[in-house]
Amino acid sequence: MFPIVVFVNEAAPARVWCAAMTNPSGTELDLAALLVKGWAGRDDFPDTEYGRALEFYEAMRAYDDRLYCVRERASGLIEQWTGRRPRDVGSFGTRLNLETSDLDLGIGYPVEGRSGLMATLASYTEFLGERYTRFSTTRLVFSFTVDDVQIDMSALTEDDFAVACRMLDQIGQIMTHEERVCHTWVKHLLGQQGRLEEYAAWKLVTYRRFCPEFNWVPIPEKAST
């Protein structure tokens, strides 16, 4: 959605797991069919494939404690700078993250105050640009680093932020654990196979499913970093 990359430089148990266990070319899944379907559920997975997916998903949880701490520090900084408490709007917040997945924080902010916001954040962040959220509204995207983790902060319109929060609440309430496991495994396989455009598109299927009113445009260059 608001893509960035998290760089984790410490010992990486999930990376070791990937090297030892993952054989993307041997997957039993029809990835092309899942891409067309735009969703992945337990019924799409043979038992052995789901077992691999579940093991991989549980390995991803090795990064949770560190990222929780980084997110809390980053959230505190954003609140200090902007007066707004952010929300995790990325894959870590929805529990769909990979070892190198996004850590994205979003706030709602008045459009008329954007020039002042940019001036305030100029000393603390890098401005990445203005991107469409809906077809008629945009968000400002900034980047900064906490503990060697790159953070993207998106300033949405206040109405769009309310819609995004509603979407995230629905994902939290409705998306099942099995669906999270399946989605994450498909994303991992696409990344391992170097299918970066399809990977970038797959990252957005959950958001598109729960929030069709936003303009979900894949950013393939982010998938390659």
C-alpha atoms as a PDB file:
ATOM      1  CA  MET A   1       0.000   0.000   0.000  1.00  0.00           C
ATOM      2  CA  PHE A   2       2.536   2.560   1.206  1.00  0.00           C
ATOM      3  CA  PRO A   3       5.606   0.547   0.420  1.00  0.00           C
ATOM      4  CA  ILE A   4       9.039   0.730   2.048  1.00  0.00           C
ATOM      5  CA  VAL A   5      11.644  -1.814   2.937  1.00  0.00           C
ATOM      6  CA  VAL A   6      12.750  -2.898   6.387  1.00  0.00           C
ATOM      7  CA  PHE A   7      16.398  -3.853   6.641  1.00  0.00           C
ATOM      8  CA  VAL A   8      17.071  -6.230   9.523  1.00  0.00           C
ATOM      9  CA  ASN A   9      20.822  -6.683   9.939  1.00  0.00           C
ATOM     10  CA  GLU A  10      20.916  -8.970  12.947  1.00  0.00           C
ATOM     11  CA  ALA A  11      20.954 -12.774  12.854  1.00  0.00           C
ATOM     12  CA  ALA A  12      18.077 -13.844  10.640  1.00  0.00           C
ATOM     13  CA  PRO A  13      16.450 -17.162  11.525  1.00  0.00           C
ATOM     14  CA  ALA A  14      13.846 -16.755   8.795  1.00  0.00           C
ATOM     15  CA  ARG A  15      16.552 -16.210   6.182  1.00  0.00           C
ATOM     16  CA  VAL A  16      18.236 -19.412   7.314  1.00  0.00           C
ATOM     17  CA  TRP A  17      14.882 -21.184   7.110  1.00  0.00           C
ATOM     18  CA  CYS A  18      14.357 -19.898   3.572  1.00  0.00           C
ATOM     19  CA  ALA A  19      17.743 -21.081   2.384  1.00  0.00           C
ATOM     20  CA  ALA A  20      17.304 -24.511   3.914  1.00  0.00           C
ATOM     21  CA  MET A  21      13.672 -25.238   3.220  1.00  0.00           C
ATOM     22  CA  THR A  22      12.289 -23.227   0.331  1.00  0.00           C
ATOM     23  CA  ASN A  23      12.082 -24.566  -3.204  1.00  0.00           C
ATOM     24  CA  PRO A  24       9.849 -22.111  -5.087  1.00  0.00           C
ATOM     25  CA  SER A  25      10.062 -24.006  -8.380  1.00  0.00           C
ATOM     26  CA  GLY A  26       8.651 -27.083  -6.662  1.00  0.00           C
ATOM     27  CA  THR A  27       5.471 -25.442  -5.365  1.00  0.00           C
ATOM     28  CA  GLU A  28       2.224 -27.317  -5.910  1.00  0.00           C
ATOM     29  CA  LEU A  29       0.319 -24.052  -6.308  1.00  0.00           C
ATOM     30  CA  ASP A  30      -0.971 -22.658  -9.562  1.00  0.00           C
ATOM     31  CA  LEU A  31       0.302 -19.132  -8.952  1.00  0.00           C
ATOM     32  CA  ALA A  32      -1.081 -17.822 -12.249  1.00  0.00           C
ATOM     33  CA  ALA A  33      -4.579 -18.934 -11.262  1.00  0.00           C
ATOM     34  CA  LEU A  34      -4.278 -17.351  -7.828  1.00  0.00           C
ATOM     35  CA  LEU A  35      -3.135 -14.085  -9.382  1.00  0.00           C
ATOM     36  CA  VAL A  36      -6.210 -14.093 -11.609  1.00  0.00           C
ATOM     37  CA  LYS A  37      -8.429 -14.994  -8.662  1.00  0.00           C
ATOM     38  CA  GLY A  38      -6.905 -12.213  -6.578  1.00  0.00           C
ATOM     39  CA  TRP A  39      -7.062 -14.159  -3.338  1.00  0.00           C
ATOM     40  CA  ALA A  40      -5.695 -17.305  -1.684  1.00  0.00           C
ATOM     41  CA  GLY A  41      -7.428 -19.463   0.893  1.00  0.00           C
ATOM     42  CA  ARG A  42      -6.947 -22.802   2.576  1.00  0.00           C
ATOM     43  CA  ASP A  43      -8.979 -24.594  -0.114  1.00  0.00           C
ATOM     44  CA  ASP A  44      -6.408 -23.541  -2.716  1.00  0.00           C
ATOM     45  CA  PHE A  45      -3.596 -25.320  -0.872  1.00  0.00           C
ATOM     46  CA  PRO A  46      -2.812 -29.048  -0.804  1.00  0.00           C
ATOM     47  CA  ASP A  47      -2.032 -30.198   2.734  1.00  0.00           C
ATOM     48  CA  THR A  48       1.719 -30.480   2.188  1.00  0.00           C
ATOM     49  CA  GLU A  49       1.902 -27.019   0.636  1.00  0.00           C
ATOM     50  CA  TYR A  50      -0.091 -25.521   3.479  1.00  0.00           C
ATOM     51  CA  GLY A  51       2.258 -27.185   5.956  1.00  0.00           C
ATOM     52  CA  ARG A  52       5.221 -25.449   4.320  1.00  0.00           C
ATOM     53  CA  ALA A  53       3.328 -22.169   4.247  1.00  0.00           C
ATOM     54  CA  LEU A  54       2.434 -22.415   7.923  1.00  0.00           C
ATOM     55  CA  GLU A  55       6.014 -23.196   8.923  1.00  0.00           C
ATOM     56  CA  PHE A  56       7.239 -20.235   6.923  1.00  0.00           C
ATOM     57  CA  TYR A  57       4.601 -17.919   8.395  1.00  0.00           C
ATOM     58  CA  GLU A  58       5.563 -18.894  11.927  1.00  0.00           C
ATOM     59  CA  ALA A  59       9.227 -18.235  11.081  1.00  0.00           C
ATOM     60  CA  MET A  60       8.304 -14.671  10.104  1.00  0.00           C
ATOM     61  CA  ARG A  61       7.086 -14.060  13.628  1.00  0.00           C
ATOM     62  CA  ALA A  62      10.726 -14.128  14.818  1.00  0.00           C
ATOM     63  CA  TYR A  63      10.926 -10.442  13.872  1.00  0.00           C
ATOM     64  CA  ASP A  64       7.797  -9.291  15.698  1.00  0.00           C
ATOM     65  CA  ASP A  65       9.296  -8.173  19.003  1.00  0.00           C
ATOM     66  CA  ARG A  66      11.979  -6.044  17.380  1.00  0.00           C
ATOM     67  CA  LEU A  67       9.578  -4.469  14.911  1.00  0.00           C
ATOM     68  CA  TYR A  68       7.061  -3.746  17.679  1.00  0.00           C
ATOM     69  CA  CYS A  69       9.771  -1.769  19.471  1.00  0.00           C
ATOM     70  CA  VAL A  70      10.844   0.061  16.319  1.00  0.00           C
ATOM     71  CA  ARG A  71       7.237   0.870  15.460  1.00  0.00           C
ATOM     72  CA  GLU A  72       6.591   2.283  18.913  1.00  0.00           C
ATOM     73  CA  ARG A  73       9.649   4.538  18.713  1.00  0.00           C
ATOM     74  CA  ALA A  74       8.780   5.690  15.215  1.00  0.00           C
ATOM     75  CA  SER A  75       5.168   6.352  16.219  1.00  0.00           C
ATOM     76  CA  GLY A  76       6.336   8.477  19.130  1.00  0.00           C
ATOM     77  CA  LEU A  77       8.538  10.561  16.847  1.00  0.00           C
ATOM     78  CA  ILE A  78       5.724  11.105  14.349  1.00  0.00           C
ATOM     79  CA  GLU A  79       3.363  12.162  17.111  1.00  0.00           C
ATOM     80  CA  GLN A  80       6.000  14.550  18.456  1.00  0.00           C
ATOM     81  CA  TRP A  81       6.565  16.091  15.007  1.00  0.00           C
ATOM     82  CA  THR A  82       2.971  16.243  13.766  1.00  0.00           C
ATOM     83  CA  GLY A  83       0.694  16.081  16.788  1.00  0.00           C
ATOM     84  CA  ARG A  84      -1.003  13.045  15.226  1.00  0.00           C
ATOM     85  CA  ARG A  85      -0.742   9.464  16.449  1.00  0.00           C
ATOM     86  CA  PRO A  86      -0.031   7.228  13.435  1.00  0.00           C
ATOM     87  CA  ARG A  87      -1.398   3.829  12.595  1.00  0.00           C
ATOM     88  CA  ASP A  88       0.455   0.923  11.034  1.00  0.00           C
ATOM     89  CA  VAL A  89      -0.970   0.758   7.516  1.00  0.00           C
ATOM     90  CA  GLY A  90       1.484  -1.782   6.094  1.00  0.00           C
ATOM     91  CA  SER A  91       2.000  -5.515   6.012  1.00  0.00           C
ATOM     92  CA  PHE A  92       3.383  -5.715   9.545  1.00  0.00           C
ATOM     93  CA  GLY A  93       0.151  -4.235  10.869  1.00  0.00           C
ATOM     94  CA  THR A  94      -1.930  -6.755   8.953  1.00  0.00           C
ATOM     95  CA  ARG A  95       0.393  -9.686   9.794  1.00  0.00           C
ATOM     96  CA  LEU A  96       1.277 -10.303   6.165  1.00  0.00           C
ATOM     97  CA  ASN A  97       4.927  -9.299   6.364  1.00  0.00           C
ATOM     98  CA  LEU A  98       7.981 -11.090   5.082  1.00  0.00           C
ATOM     99  CA  GLU A  99      11.485 -10.889   6.507  1.00  0.00           C
ATOM    100  CA  THR A 100      12.108  -7.768   4.409  1.00  0.00           C
ATOM    101  CA  SER A 101       8.548  -6.429   4.292  1.00  0.00           C
ATOM    102  CA  ASP A 102       7.073  -3.026   4.857  1.00  0.00           C
ATOM    103  CA  LEU A 103       6.840  -1.003   8.022  1.00  0.00           C
ATOM    104  CA  ASP A 104       4.501   1.822   7.044  1.00  0.00           C
ATOM    105  CA  LEU A 105       2.825   4.363   9.290  1.00  0.00           C
ATOM    106  CA  GLY A 106       0.007   6.680   8.285  1.00  0.00           C
ATOM    107  CA  ILE A 107      -1.658   9.756   9.728  1.00  0.00           C
ATOM    108  CA  GLY A 108      -4.606  11.908   8.778  1.00  0.00           C
ATOM    109  CA  TYR A 109      -3.750  15.554   8.220  1.00  0.00           C
ATOM    110  CA  PRO A 110      -5.640  18.585   6.863  1.00  0.00           C
ATOM    111  CA  VAL A 111      -4.839  19.273   3.227  1.00  0.00           C
ATOM    112  CA  GLU A 112      -4.568  22.986   3.921  1.00  0.00           C
ATOM    113  CA  GLY A 113      -1.808  22.283   6.430  1.00  0.00           C
ATOM    114  CA  ARG A 114       0.416  20.258   4.101  1.00  0.00           C
ATOM    115  CA  SER A 115       2.901  23.025   3.328  1.00  0.00           C
ATOM    116  CA  GLY A 116       3.475  23.539   7.036  1.00  0.00           C
ATOM    117  CA  LEU A 117       3.789  19.791   7.576  1.00  0.00           C
ATOM    118  CA  MET A 118       6.419  19.543   4.865  1.00  0.00           C
ATOM    119  CA  ALA A 119       8.370  22.406   6.413  1.00  0.00           C
ATOM    120  CA  THR A 120       8.210  20.777   9.846  1.00  0.00           C
ATOM    121  CA  LEU A 121       9.312  17.353   8.596  1.00  0.00           C
ATOM    122  CA  ALA A 122      12.095  18.670   6.352  1.00  0.00           C
ATOM    123  CA  SER A 123      14.582  18.521   9.232  1.00  0.00           C
ATOM    124  CA  TYR A 124      13.704  14.942  10.190  1.00  0.00           C
ATOM    125  CA  THR A 125      12.659  13.078   7.053  1.00  0.00           C
ATOM    126  CA  GLU A 126      13.198  12.687   3.334  1.00  0.00           C
ATOM    127  CA  PHE A 127      10.216  13.652   1.194  1.00  0.00           C
ATOM    128  CA  LEU A 128       9.451  10.812  -1.247  1.00  0.00           C
ATOM    129  CA  GLY A 129       6.668  12.527  -3.128  1.00  0.00           C
ATOM    130  CA  GLU A 130       2.913  12.917  -3.499  1.00  0.00           C
ATOM    131  CA  ARG A 131       0.944   9.841  -4.548  1.00  0.00           C
ATOM    132  CA  TYR A 132      -2.683   9.202  -5.337  1.00  0.00           C
ATOM    133  CA  THR A 133      -4.779   7.513  -2.665  1.00  0.00           C
ATOM    134  CA  ARG A 134      -8.129   7.752  -4.398  1.00  0.00           C
ATOM    135  CA  PHE A 135      -8.508   8.986  -7.942  1.00  0.00           C
ATOM    136  CA  SER A 136      -9.264  12.476  -6.594  1.00  0.00           C
ATOM    137  CA  THR A 137      -7.099  12.617  -3.453  1.00  0.00           C
ATOM    138  CA  THR A 138      -3.415  12.247  -2.681  1.00  0.00           C
ATOM    139  CA  ARG A 139      -1.108  11.533   0.223  1.00  0.00           C
ATOM    140  CA  LEU A 140       2.358  12.857   1.043  1.00  0.00           C
ATOM    141  CA  VAL A 141       5.035  10.229   1.714  1.00  0.00           C
ATOM    142  CA  PHE A 142       8.089  10.804   3.894  1.00  0.00           C
ATOM    143  CA  SER A 143      10.907   8.498   4.954  1.00  0.00           C
ATOM    144  CA  PHE A 144      13.171   8.284   7.975  1.00  0.00           C
ATOM    145  CA  THR A 145      15.155   5.653   9.849  1.00  0.00           C
ATOM    146  CA  VAL A 146      14.876   4.196  13.341  1.00  0.00           C
ATOM    147  CA  ASP A 147      17.434   1.621  14.531  1.00  0.00           C
ATOM    148  CA  ASP A 148      18.552   0.904  10.957  1.00  0.00           C
ATOM    149  CA  VAL A 149      14.948   0.313   9.886  1.00  0.00           C
ATOM    150  CA  GLN A 150      13.576   2.556   7.152  1.00  0.00           C
ATOM    151  CA  ILE A 151      10.111   3.923   7.941  1.00  0.00           C
ATOM    152  CA  ASP A 152       7.656   5.426   5.472  1.00  0.00           C
ATOM    153  CA  MET A 153       5.139   7.887   6.868  1.00  0.00           C
ATOM    154  CA  SER A 154       2.103   8.754   4.758  1.00  0.00           C
ATOM    155  CA  ALA A 155       0.028  11.856   5.428  1.00  0.00           C
ATOM    156  CA  LEU A 156      -3.439  11.140   4.059  1.00  0.00           C
ATOM    157  CA  THR A 157      -6.422  13.428   4.003  1.00  0.00           C
ATOM    158  CA  GLU A 158      -8.397  13.095   7.208  1.00  0.00           C
ATOM    159  CA  ASP A 159     -11.292  11.428   5.370  1.00  0.00           C
ATOM    160  CA  ASP A 160      -8.964   8.958   3.632  1.00  0.00           C
ATOM    161  CA  PHE A 161      -7.260   8.123   6.897  1.00  0.00           C
ATOM    162  CA  ALA A 162     -10.657   7.317   8.436  1.00  0.00           C
ATOM    163  CA  VAL A 163     -11.404   5.005   5.488  1.00  0.00           C
ATOM    164  CA  ALA A 164      -7.990   3.347   5.848  1.00  0.00           C
ATOM    165  CA  CYS A 165      -8.574   2.757   9.558  1.00  0.00           C
ATOM    166  CA  ARG A 166     -11.980   1.232   8.822  1.00  0.00           C
ATOM    167  CA  MET A 167     -10.341  -1.051   6.257  1.00  0.00           C
ATOM    168  CA  LEU A 168      -7.627  -2.122   8.697  1.00  0.00           C
ATOM    169  CA  ASP A 169     -10.235  -2.837  11.374  1.00  0.00           C
ATOM    170  CA  GLN A 170     -12.119  -5.052   8.912  1.00  0.00           C
ATOM    171  CA  ILE A 171      -8.965  -6.918   7.917  1.00  0.00           C
ATOM    172  CA  GLY A 172      -8.219  -7.507  11.595  1.00  0.00           C
ATOM    173  CA  GLN A 173     -11.717  -8.796  12.276  1.00  0.00           C
ATOM    174  CA  ILE A 174     -12.488 -10.765   9.107  1.00  0.00           C
ATOM    175  CA  MET A 175      -9.282 -12.104   7.576  1.00  0.00           C
ATOM    176  CA  THR A 176      -8.576 -15.539   9.025  1.00  0.00           C
ATOM    177  CA  HIS A 177      -5.254 -16.895  10.204  1.00  0.00           C
ATOM    178  CA  GLU A 178      -5.315 -19.453   7.380  1.00  0.00           C
ATOM    179  CA  GLU A 179      -5.857 -16.686   4.810  1.00  0.00           C
ATOM    180  CA  ARG A 180      -2.904 -14.748   6.248  1.00  0.00           C
ATOM    181  CA  VAL A 181      -0.710 -17.848   6.006  1.00  0.00           C
ATOM    182  CA  CYS A 182      -1.749 -18.469   2.399  1.00  0.00           C
ATOM    183  CA  HIS A 183      -1.384 -14.853   1.307  1.00  0.00           C
ATOM    184  CA  THR A 184       2.088 -14.554   2.843  1.00  0.00           C
ATOM    185  CA  TRP A 185       3.294 -17.780   1.229  1.00  0.00           C
ATOM    186  CA  VAL A 186       2.142 -16.701  -2.234  1.00  0.00           C
ATOM    187  CA  LYS A 187       3.886 -13.357  -1.771  1.00  0.00           C
ATOM    188  CA  HIS A 188       7.057 -15.156  -0.684  1.00  0.00           C
ATOM    189  CA  LEU A 189       6.997 -17.485  -3.702  1.00  0.00           C
ATOM    190  CA  LEU A 190       6.525 -14.622  -6.139  1.00  0.00           C
ATOM    191  CA  GLY A 191       9.420 -12.766  -4.581  1.00  0.00           C
ATOM    192  CA  GLN A 192      11.670 -15.818  -4.598  1.00  0.00           C
ATOM    193  CA  GLN A 193      10.918 -16.370  -8.269  1.00  0.00           C
ATOM    194  CA  GLY A 194      11.784 -12.774  -9.121  1.00  0.00           C
ATOM    195  CA  ARG A 195       8.294 -12.022 -10.415  1.00  0.00           C
ATOM    196  CA  LEU A 196       8.473  -8.464  -9.123  1.00  0.00           C
ATOM    197  CA  GLU A 197       5.506  -6.924 -10.943  1.00  0.00           C
ATOM    198  CA  GLU A 198       3.246  -9.760  -9.832  1.00  0.00           C
ATOM    199  CA  TYR A 199       4.736  -9.562  -6.336  1.00  0.00           C
ATOM    200  CA  ALA A 200       3.984  -5.846  -6.159  1.00  0.00           C
ATOM    201  CA  ALA A 201       0.410  -6.462  -7.335  1.00  0.00           C
ATOM    202  CA  TRP A 202      -0.136  -9.340  -4.900  1.00  0.00           C
ATOM    203  CA  LYS A 203       0.879  -7.134  -1.961  1.00  0.00           C
ATOM    204  CA  LEU A 204      -2.227  -5.055  -2.656  1.00  0.00           C
ATOM    205  CA  VAL A 205      -4.893  -7.755  -3.020  1.00  0.00           C
ATOM    206  CA  THR A 206      -5.919  -7.647   0.639  1.00  0.00           C
ATOM    207  CA  TYR A 207      -6.291  -3.876   0.621  1.00  0.00           C
ATOM    208  CA  ARG A 208      -8.227  -3.988  -2.646  1.00  0.00           C
ATOM    209  CA  ARG A 209     -10.558  -6.659  -1.267  1.00  0.00           C
ATOM    210  CA  PHE A 210     -11.441  -4.661   1.831  1.00  0.00           C
ATOM    211  CA  CYS A 211     -11.192  -1.131   0.404  1.00  0.00           C
ATOM    212  CA  PRO A 212     -12.116  -1.017  -3.309  1.00  0.00           C
ATOM    213  CA  GLU A 213     -12.647   2.761  -3.243  1.00  0.00           C
ATOM    214  CA  PHE A 214      -8.910   3.488  -3.082  1.00  0.00           C
ATOM    215  CA  ASN A 215      -6.661   3.621  -6.143  1.00  0.00           C
ATOM    216  CA  TRP A 216      -4.374   0.641  -5.516  1.00  0.00           C
ATOM    217  CA  VAL A 217      -1.453   0.970  -7.925  1.00  0.00           C
ATOM    218  CA  PRO A 218       1.476  -1.485  -7.646  1.00  0.00           C
ATOM    219  CA  ILE A 219       4.986  -0.021  -7.340  1.00  0.00           C
ATOM    220  CA  PRO A 220       7.284  -2.719  -8.804  1.00  0.00           C
ATOM    221  CA  GLU A 221      10.501  -0.804  -8.082  1.00  0.00           C
ATOM    222  CA  LYS A 222       9.804  -1.113  -4.355  1.00  0.00           C
ATOM    223  CA  ALA A 223       9.536  -4.869  -4.681  1.00  0.00           C
ATOM    224  CA  SER A 224      13.068  -5.008  -6.067  1.00  0.00           C
ATOM    225  CA  THR A 225      14.752  -3.272  -3.113  1.00  0.00           C
END
